[in-house]
Amino acid sequence: MRVTHAMYKSCNASSPIATFTTGKDSINITNHGHHFFFCGVPGHCEAGQKVDINVLKVSADAPTSSALASPTVQVSNVPAPSPSNAHPLIALKGAFAMMSLAMPIILSLAFSGYV
């Protein structure tokens, strides 16, 4: 469901701006600012299944993609990461676990306005 900021904060699903029901819905975001969505299944929003997508306004003097490129780092000077003994499901708790399941949808929503 697409909702207002007040509805998002309180998980109020009584009168959404829009409702999407197929599970394969595409949403085009065409303007900057915050866009609020949450799952309309009772209890899901309260459990953290909600997202605030903030589309930034692009100015005329925004840096080019080459200016945003990552700096070069010599690999030989970078220490290897420490191994983790955490089980992957333990590392993803609560809302983050639900977000990992919804990440392809969220990324699709976040970038659909840029295609």
N, C-alpha and C. Protein backbone atom coordinates (compact mmCIF):
# COMPACT_ATOMS: atom_id res chain seq x y z
N MET A 1 0.84 -1.17 0.00
CA MET A 1 0.00 0.00 0.00
C MET A 1 0.89 1.24 0.00
N ARG A 2 0.49 2.23 -0.77
CA ARG A 2 1.14 3.54 -0.71
C ARG A 2 0.30 4.39 0.23
N VAL A 3 0.97 5.04 1.20
CA VAL A 3 0.25 5.76 2.24
C VAL A 3 0.88 7.12 2.50
N THR A 4 0.20 7.93 3.29
CA THR A 4 0.74 9.22 3.71
C THR A 4 1.77 9.00 4.81
N HIS A 5 2.51 10.05 5.14
CA HIS A 5 3.52 9.96 6.19
C HIS A 5 2.87 9.61 7.53
N ALA A 6 1.76 10.25 7.85
CA ALA A 6 1.07 9.97 9.12
C ALA A 6 0.61 8.52 9.18
N MET A 7 0.07 8.01 8.08
CA MET A 7 -0.37 6.62 8.04
C MET A 7 0.82 5.68 8.17
N TYR A 8 1.93 6.04 7.54
CA TYR A 8 3.16 5.24 7.61
C TYR A 8 3.64 5.13 9.05
N LYS A 9 3.68 6.26 9.75
CA LYS A 9 4.18 6.27 11.13
C LYS A 9 3.31 5.43 12.06
N SER A 10 1.99 5.44 11.84
CA SER A 10 1.08 4.72 12.73
C SER A 10 0.63 3.36 12.18
N CYS A 11 1.10 2.98 11.00
CA CYS A 11 0.67 1.74 10.33
C CYS A 11 -0.85 1.70 10.14
N ASN A 12 -1.40 2.83 9.78
CA ASN A 12 -2.84 2.95 9.56
C ASN A 12 -3.14 2.63 8.10
N ALA A 13 -3.83 1.52 7.86
CA ALA A 13 -4.14 1.07 6.50
C ALA A 13 -5.58 1.38 6.10
N SER A 14 -6.24 2.28 6.79
CA SER A 14 -7.67 2.50 6.56
C SER A 14 -8.00 3.16 5.22
N SER A 15 -7.16 4.06 4.73
CA SER A 15 -7.47 4.71 3.45
C SER A 15 -6.16 5.01 2.70
N PRO A 16 -5.56 3.97 2.11
CA PRO A 16 -4.29 4.15 1.40
C PRO A 16 -4.44 5.00 0.15
N ILE A 17 -3.35 5.61 -0.26
CA ILE A 17 -3.32 6.37 -1.52
C ILE A 17 -3.50 5.41 -2.69
N ALA A 18 -2.84 4.25 -2.60
CA ALA A 18 -2.94 3.23 -3.64
C ALA A 18 -2.71 1.86 -2.99
N THR A 19 -3.33 0.84 -3.58
CA THR A 19 -3.16 -0.52 -3.10
C THR A 19 -2.68 -1.38 -4.26
N PHE A 20 -1.69 -2.21 -4.00
CA PHE A 20 -1.12 -3.10 -5.01
C PHE A 20 -1.29 -4.53 -4.50
N THR A 21 -1.82 -5.41 -5.34
CA THR A 21 -2.22 -6.72 -4.84
C THR A 21 -1.62 -7.92 -5.56
N THR A 22 -0.93 -7.73 -6.68
CA THR A 22 -0.49 -8.90 -7.44
C THR A 22 0.82 -9.49 -6.93
N GLY A 23 1.62 -8.72 -6.21
CA GLY A 23 2.93 -9.19 -5.80
C GLY A 23 3.98 -8.98 -6.87
N LYS A 24 3.54 -8.56 -8.06
CA LYS A 24 4.45 -8.27 -9.17
C LYS A 24 4.17 -6.87 -9.71
N ASP A 25 3.67 -6.00 -8.83
CA ASP A 25 3.33 -4.65 -9.25
C ASP A 25 4.57 -3.82 -9.52
N SER A 26 4.48 -2.93 -10.50
CA SER A 26 5.54 -1.97 -10.77
C SER A 26 5.01 -0.59 -10.41
N ILE A 27 5.85 0.18 -9.75
CA ILE A 27 5.45 1.52 -9.32
C ILE A 27 6.47 2.50 -9.87
N ASN A 28 6.02 3.44 -10.67
CA ASN A 28 6.90 4.47 -11.21
C ASN A 28 6.84 5.68 -10.31
N ILE A 29 7.97 6.06 -9.77
CA ILE A 29 8.06 7.26 -8.95
C ILE A 29 8.61 8.36 -9.84
N THR A 30 7.82 9.40 -10.05
CA THR A 30 8.20 10.42 -11.02
C THR A 30 8.56 11.76 -10.39
N ASN A 31 8.48 11.87 -9.07
CA ASN A 31 8.83 13.14 -8.44
C ASN A 31 9.71 12.90 -7.23
N HIS A 32 10.45 13.94 -6.83
CA HIS A 32 11.35 13.80 -5.69
C HIS A 32 10.56 13.89 -4.39
N GLY A 33 11.22 13.53 -3.32
CA GLY A 33 10.60 13.57 -2.00
C GLY A 33 10.38 12.17 -1.45
N HIS A 34 9.73 12.11 -0.31
CA HIS A 34 9.47 10.84 0.38
C HIS A 34 8.22 10.17 -0.20
N HIS A 35 8.31 8.87 -0.34
CA HIS A 35 7.20 8.04 -0.81
C HIS A 35 7.10 6.88 0.18
N PHE A 36 5.93 6.74 0.80
CA PHE A 36 5.76 5.79 1.89
C PHE A 36 4.92 4.59 1.46
N PHE A 37 5.41 3.39 1.79
CA PHE A 37 4.73 2.15 1.45
C PHE A 37 4.81 1.21 2.64
N PHE A 38 3.78 0.38 2.80
CA PHE A 38 3.87 -0.72 3.76
C PHE A 38 2.97 -1.86 3.33
N CYS A 39 3.21 -3.02 3.94
CA CYS A 39 2.40 -4.20 3.66
C CYS A 39 1.06 -4.03 4.35
N GLY A 40 -0.03 -4.30 3.63
CA GLY A 40 -1.36 -4.14 4.18
C GLY A 40 -1.90 -5.33 4.94
N VAL A 41 -1.14 -6.42 4.99
CA VAL A 41 -1.58 -7.59 5.76
C VAL A 41 -1.52 -7.22 7.25
N PRO A 42 -2.59 -7.44 8.00
CA PRO A 42 -2.59 -7.06 9.42
C PRO A 42 -1.37 -7.58 10.17
N GLY A 43 -0.72 -6.69 10.89
CA GLY A 43 0.45 -7.03 11.69
C GLY A 43 1.78 -6.91 10.98
N HIS A 44 1.78 -6.91 9.66
CA HIS A 44 3.04 -6.86 8.92
C HIS A 44 3.72 -5.51 9.04
N CYS A 45 2.99 -4.42 8.94
CA CYS A 45 3.59 -3.09 9.09
C CYS A 45 4.19 -2.94 10.47
N GLU A 46 3.45 -3.35 11.49
CA GLU A 46 3.93 -3.25 12.87
C GLU A 46 5.20 -4.09 13.07
N ALA A 47 5.34 -5.15 12.27
CA ALA A 47 6.53 -5.99 12.35
C ALA A 47 7.70 -5.43 11.53
N GLY A 48 7.48 -4.30 10.86
CA GLY A 48 8.56 -3.64 10.14
C GLY A 48 8.52 -3.74 8.63
N GLN A 49 7.45 -4.31 8.07
CA GLN A 49 7.37 -4.42 6.62
C GLN A 49 6.85 -3.11 6.04
N LYS A 50 7.71 -2.09 6.08
CA LYS A 50 7.36 -0.79 5.52
C LYS A 50 8.63 -0.13 5.03
N VAL A 51 8.47 0.78 4.06
CA VAL A 51 9.63 1.43 3.48
C VAL A 51 9.31 2.88 3.15
N ASP A 52 10.28 3.74 3.43
CA ASP A 52 10.23 5.17 3.10
C ASP A 52 11.27 5.38 2.02
N ILE A 53 10.82 5.62 0.79
CA ILE A 53 11.74 5.85 -0.32
C ILE A 53 11.87 7.35 -0.50
N ASN A 54 13.09 7.86 -0.33
CA ASN A 54 13.33 9.30 -0.49
C ASN A 54 14.07 9.51 -1.79
N VAL A 55 13.39 10.10 -2.77
CA VAL A 55 13.99 10.40 -4.06
C VAL A 55 14.56 11.81 -3.98
N LEU A 56 15.88 11.91 -4.17
CA LEU A 56 16.54 13.20 -4.07
C LEU A 56 16.32 14.02 -5.33
N LYS A 57 16.25 15.32 -5.15
CA LYS A 57 16.11 16.23 -6.27
C LYS A 57 17.48 16.40 -6.90
N VAL A 58 17.57 16.22 -8.21
CA VAL A 58 18.83 16.34 -8.91
C VAL A 58 18.96 17.78 -9.40
N SER A 59 20.07 18.41 -9.04
CA SER A 59 20.29 19.79 -9.47
C SER A 59 21.10 19.81 -10.76
N ALA A 60 21.10 20.95 -11.43
CA ALA A 60 21.83 21.10 -12.70
C ALA A 60 23.33 20.97 -12.49
N ASP A 61 23.82 21.29 -11.30
CA ASP A 61 25.26 21.21 -11.04
C ASP A 61 25.66 19.92 -10.32
N ALA A 62 24.85 18.87 -10.48
CA ALA A 62 25.16 17.58 -9.87
C ALA A 62 26.43 17.02 -10.49
N PRO A 63 27.25 16.31 -9.71
CA PRO A 63 28.49 15.75 -10.26
C PRO A 63 28.19 14.71 -11.33
N THR A 64 29.10 14.58 -12.27
CA THR A 64 28.95 13.58 -13.33
C THR A 64 29.29 12.21 -12.78
N SER A 65 28.94 11.17 -13.52
CA SER A 65 29.21 9.82 -13.05
C SER A 65 30.71 9.57 -12.89
N SER A 66 31.56 10.19 -13.71
CA SER A 66 33.00 9.99 -13.57
C SER A 66 33.51 10.63 -12.28
N ALA A 67 32.86 11.71 -11.81
CA ALA A 67 33.27 12.35 -10.56
C ALA A 67 32.88 11.49 -9.36
N LEU A 68 31.91 10.60 -9.54
CA LEU A 68 31.45 9.74 -8.46
C LEU A 68 32.19 8.41 -8.41
N ALA A 69 33.09 8.17 -9.36
CA ALA A 69 33.79 6.89 -9.41
C ALA A 69 34.62 6.67 -8.16
N SER A 70 34.75 5.42 -7.77
CA SER A 70 35.52 5.08 -6.57
C SER A 70 37.00 5.32 -6.82
N PRO A 71 37.72 5.75 -5.78
CA PRO A 71 39.17 5.92 -5.94
C PRO A 71 39.84 4.56 -6.06
N THR A 72 41.02 4.56 -6.65
CA THR A 72 41.79 3.33 -6.81
C THR A 72 42.47 2.99 -5.50
N VAL A 73 42.35 1.73 -5.06
CA VAL A 73 42.97 1.27 -3.83
C VAL A 73 43.86 0.09 -4.18
N GLN A 74 45.11 0.10 -3.69
CA GLN A 74 45.98 -1.03 -3.93
C GLN A 74 45.53 -2.19 -3.06
N VAL A 75 45.22 -3.30 -3.68
CA VAL A 75 44.69 -4.45 -2.97
C VAL A 75 45.70 -5.01 -1.98
N SER A 76 46.97 -4.94 -2.27
CA SER A 76 47.97 -5.52 -1.38
C SER A 76 48.01 -4.85 -0.02
N ASN A 77 47.52 -3.62 0.10
CA ASN A 77 47.54 -2.90 1.37
C ASN A 77 46.23 -3.05 2.16
N VAL A 78 45.28 -3.74 1.60
CA VAL A 78 43.98 -3.88 2.26
C VAL A 78 43.95 -5.22 2.99
N PRO A 79 43.71 -5.21 4.32
CA PRO A 79 43.67 -6.47 5.06
C PRO A 79 42.45 -7.29 4.67
N ALA A 80 42.59 -8.60 4.77
CA ALA A 80 41.47 -9.49 4.47
C ALA A 80 40.41 -9.34 5.55
N PRO A 81 39.13 -9.52 5.20
CA PRO A 81 38.08 -9.42 6.21
C PRO A 81 38.18 -10.57 7.21
N SER A 82 37.76 -10.30 8.43
CA SER A 82 37.74 -11.33 9.46
C SER A 82 36.63 -12.31 9.17
N PRO A 83 36.86 -13.61 9.38
CA PRO A 83 35.78 -14.57 9.14
C PRO A 83 34.67 -14.40 10.17
N SER A 84 33.45 -14.69 9.74
CA SER A 84 32.31 -14.59 10.64
C SER A 84 31.76 -15.98 10.90
N ASN A 85 31.49 -16.26 12.17
CA ASN A 85 30.89 -17.54 12.52
C ASN A 85 29.38 -17.45 12.63
N ALA A 86 28.82 -16.27 12.36
CA ALA A 86 27.38 -16.07 12.48
C ALA A 86 26.65 -16.80 11.35
N HIS A 87 25.57 -17.42 11.70
CA HIS A 87 24.71 -18.06 10.72
C HIS A 87 24.01 -16.95 9.93
N PRO A 88 23.90 -17.06 8.60
CA PRO A 88 23.29 -15.98 7.81
C PRO A 88 21.91 -15.57 8.30
N LEU A 89 21.10 -16.52 8.79
CA LEU A 89 19.77 -16.16 9.25
C LEU A 89 19.80 -15.44 10.60
N ILE A 90 20.82 -15.68 11.38
CA ILE A 90 20.96 -15.00 12.66
C ILE A 90 21.33 -13.54 12.43
N ALA A 91 22.12 -13.29 11.40
CA ALA A 91 22.55 -11.93 11.11
C ALA A 91 21.38 -11.06 10.64
N LEU A 92 20.33 -11.67 10.12
CA LEU A 92 19.17 -10.93 9.63
C LEU A 92 18.00 -11.15 10.57
N LYS A 93 17.81 -10.20 11.47
CA LYS A 93 16.73 -10.33 12.45
C LYS A 93 15.66 -9.27 12.20
N GLY A 94 14.47 -9.57 12.62
CA GLY A 94 13.36 -8.61 12.62
C GLY A 94 13.10 -8.01 11.26
N ALA A 95 13.02 -6.67 11.26
CA ALA A 95 12.66 -5.94 10.04
C ALA A 95 13.69 -6.17 8.94
N PHE A 96 14.97 -6.34 9.33
CA PHE A 96 16.00 -6.52 8.32
C PHE A 96 15.81 -7.84 7.58
N ALA A 97 15.34 -8.86 8.25
CA ALA A 97 15.08 -10.14 7.58
C ALA A 97 13.95 -9.98 6.57
N MET A 98 12.91 -9.23 6.97
CA MET A 98 11.80 -9.02 6.06
C MET A 98 12.23 -8.16 4.88
N MET A 99 13.10 -7.17 5.15
CA MET A 99 13.56 -6.30 4.08
C MET A 99 14.42 -7.08 3.09
N SER A 100 15.20 -8.06 3.59
CA SER A 100 16.03 -8.83 2.67
C SER A 100 15.16 -9.65 1.73
N LEU A 101 14.01 -10.08 2.20
CA LEU A 101 13.09 -10.82 1.34
C LEU A 101 12.45 -9.90 0.31
N ALA A 102 12.26 -8.63 0.67
CA ALA A 102 11.59 -7.68 -0.21
C ALA A 102 12.58 -6.83 -1.00
N MET A 103 13.89 -7.03 -0.83
CA MET A 103 14.88 -6.16 -1.46
C MET A 103 14.73 -6.05 -2.97
N PRO A 104 14.49 -7.14 -3.73
CA PRO A 104 14.31 -6.96 -5.17
C PRO A 104 13.15 -6.02 -5.50
N ILE A 105 12.09 -6.09 -4.72
CA ILE A 105 10.94 -5.20 -4.95
C ILE A 105 11.32 -3.78 -4.61
N ILE A 106 12.01 -3.59 -3.49
CA ILE A 106 12.39 -2.25 -3.07
C ILE A 106 13.34 -1.63 -4.07
N LEU A 107 14.32 -2.39 -4.54
CA LEU A 107 15.25 -1.84 -5.52
C LEU A 107 14.53 -1.50 -6.80
N SER A 108 13.58 -2.34 -7.21
CA SER A 108 12.79 -2.05 -8.39
C SER A 108 12.03 -0.74 -8.22
N LEU A 109 11.44 -0.55 -7.02
CA LEU A 109 10.73 0.69 -6.75
C LEU A 109 11.66 1.89 -6.75
N ALA A 110 12.82 1.72 -6.13
CA ALA A 110 13.75 2.83 -5.98
C ALA A 110 14.31 3.29 -7.31
N PHE A 111 14.53 2.38 -8.22
CA PHE A 111 15.18 2.75 -9.47
C PHE A 111 14.23 2.84 -10.65
N SER A 112 12.95 2.53 -10.44
CA SER A 112 12.03 2.55 -11.58
C SER A 112 11.86 3.94 -12.15
N GLY A 113 12.06 4.97 -11.36
CA GLY A 113 11.92 6.34 -11.85
C GLY A 113 13.13 6.80 -12.64
N TYR A 114 14.20 6.02 -12.68
CA TYR A 114 15.43 6.44 -13.36
C TYR A 114 15.64 5.73 -14.68
N VAL A 115 14.75 4.86 -15.05
CA VAL A 115 14.93 4.09 -16.29
C VAL A 115 14.30 4.82 -17.43
